[in-house]
Amino acid sequence: MDVNALQLVFKSVLGKMSYAVSAWWGYTTAVDKQRLEALIRRAVRVGLYPADGPNLHQLVTDMDDALFARIQANEQYVLQQLLPAHTCYKYVLRIRRHDYTLAL
């Protein structure tokens, strides 16, 4: 098979593996995460995945951030009503990912 075709197949496998990752990532054990990372390392070694590409943890973080950004941007989203009220800070000590009040 052509290398480009194999890379496309691996990309689709990675897409299937990361489908709904926000739902199942928290339930995986450290051993499961190591196995998934090993799959990506093997793909890099064989040439199916770029060596400078993001690792699995970075992919999961990016997907979670993208989902949260979509929830924030869509006023009609089902979970929009569950978000806390916006907060206004008088000073900025660090950059936050959102401006919602976190209730304890």
Protein backbone atom coordinates (compact mmCIF):
# COMPACT_ATOMS: atom_id res chain seq x y z
CA MET A 1 0.00 0.00 0.00
CA ASP A 2 1.04 3.58 -0.59
CA VAL A 3 2.42 5.49 2.42
CA ASN A 4 -0.10 8.31 1.94
CA ALA A 5 -2.96 5.81 1.98
CA LEU A 6 -1.62 4.23 5.18
CA GLN A 7 -1.33 7.64 6.80
CA LEU A 8 -4.93 8.35 5.84
CA VAL A 9 -6.04 5.03 7.36
CA PHE A 10 -4.17 5.80 10.59
CA LYS A 11 -5.71 9.26 10.69
CA SER A 12 -9.17 7.71 10.45
CA VAL A 13 -8.27 5.18 13.19
CA LEU A 14 -7.13 8.06 15.38
CA GLY A 15 -10.42 9.86 14.66
CA LYS A 16 -12.42 6.78 15.64
CA MET A 17 -10.33 6.36 18.77
CA SER A 18 -10.82 9.97 19.81
CA TYR A 19 -14.57 10.03 19.10
CA ALA A 20 -16.41 11.22 22.23
CA VAL A 21 -13.09 11.33 24.07
CA SER A 22 -14.51 13.85 26.54
CA ALA A 23 -16.91 11.18 27.76
CA TRP A 24 -14.50 8.28 28.25
CA TRP A 25 -11.08 9.85 28.90
CA GLY A 26 -11.73 10.35 32.61
CA TYR A 27 -12.53 6.67 33.08
CA THR A 28 -9.31 5.35 31.56
CA THR A 29 -6.58 4.09 33.82
CA ALA A 30 -2.93 5.08 33.59
CA VAL A 31 -2.18 1.73 31.93
CA ASP A 32 -4.85 2.39 29.29
CA LYS A 33 -3.43 5.85 28.59
CA GLN A 34 0.08 4.39 28.25
CA ARG A 35 -1.21 1.84 25.74
CA LEU A 36 -2.90 4.54 23.69
CA GLU A 37 0.26 6.67 23.76
CA ALA A 38 2.27 3.59 22.70
CA LEU A 39 0.03 3.28 19.65
CA ILE A 40 0.94 6.81 18.60
CA ARG A 41 4.65 6.22 19.29
CA ARG A 42 4.56 3.11 17.10
CA ALA A 43 2.81 5.08 14.35
CA VAL A 44 5.55 7.72 14.54
CA ARG A 45 8.26 5.06 14.34
CA VAL A 46 6.63 3.45 11.29
CA GLY A 47 6.02 6.81 9.63
CA LEU A 48 2.22 6.95 9.84
CA TYR A 49 2.09 9.93 12.20
CA PRO A 50 4.32 13.02 12.18
CA ALA A 51 7.00 13.06 14.87
CA ASP A 52 6.22 16.68 15.73
CA GLY A 53 2.47 15.99 15.92
CA PRO A 54 0.61 16.36 19.21
CA ASN A 55 0.58 13.45 21.63
CA LEU A 56 -2.67 11.91 22.81
CA HIS A 57 -2.91 14.07 25.95
CA GLN A 58 -2.57 17.22 23.86
CA LEU A 59 -5.19 15.96 21.40
CA VAL A 60 -7.63 15.28 24.24
CA THR A 61 -7.01 18.70 25.80
CA ASP A 62 -7.53 20.43 22.45
CA MET A 63 -10.77 18.54 21.85
CA ASP A 64 -12.06 19.41 25.33
CA ASP A 65 -11.20 23.07 24.82
CA ALA A 66 -12.93 23.08 21.42
CA LEU A 67 -16.07 21.51 22.91
CA PHE A 68 -16.16 24.05 25.74
CA ALA A 69 -15.67 26.90 23.28
CA ARG A 70 -18.61 25.62 21.20
CA ILE A 71 -20.77 25.43 24.33
CA GLN A 72 -19.85 28.99 25.29
CA ALA A 73 -20.49 30.38 21.81
CA ASN A 74 -23.86 28.74 21.19
CA GLU A 75 -26.67 30.38 23.18
CA GLN A 76 -29.07 27.57 22.18
CA TYR A 77 -26.82 24.79 23.45
CA VAL A 78 -28.44 22.45 25.97
CA LEU A 79 -25.70 22.86 28.58
CA GLN A 80 -25.57 26.66 28.25
CA GLN A 81 -28.09 27.14 31.07
CA LEU A 82 -25.93 25.09 33.45
CA LEU A 83 -22.92 27.41 33.12
CA PRO A 84 -22.43 29.82 36.01
CA ALA A 85 -22.83 33.56 35.58
CA HIS A 86 -20.06 35.59 33.96
CA THR A 87 -17.62 37.29 36.30
CA CYS A 88 -15.77 40.55 35.91
CA TYR A 89 -12.29 40.67 37.46
CA LYS A 90 -10.78 43.90 38.73
CA TYR A 91 -7.26 42.52 38.42
CA VAL A 92 -5.69 39.80 36.32
CA LEU A 93 -3.12 37.51 37.92
CA ARG A 94 -3.17 34.86 35.21
CA ILE A 95 -4.95 34.11 31.97
CA ARG A 96 -8.09 32.08 32.47
CA ARG A 97 -9.74 29.80 29.92
CA HIS A 98 -13.18 31.22 30.73
CA ASP A 99 -14.85 34.01 32.66
CA TYR A 100 -17.44 32.00 34.60
CA THR A 101 -17.85 32.06 38.37
CA LEU A 102 -16.97 28.71 39.89
CA ALA A 103 -19.36 27.91 42.74
CA LEU A 104 -18.26 25.58 45.52
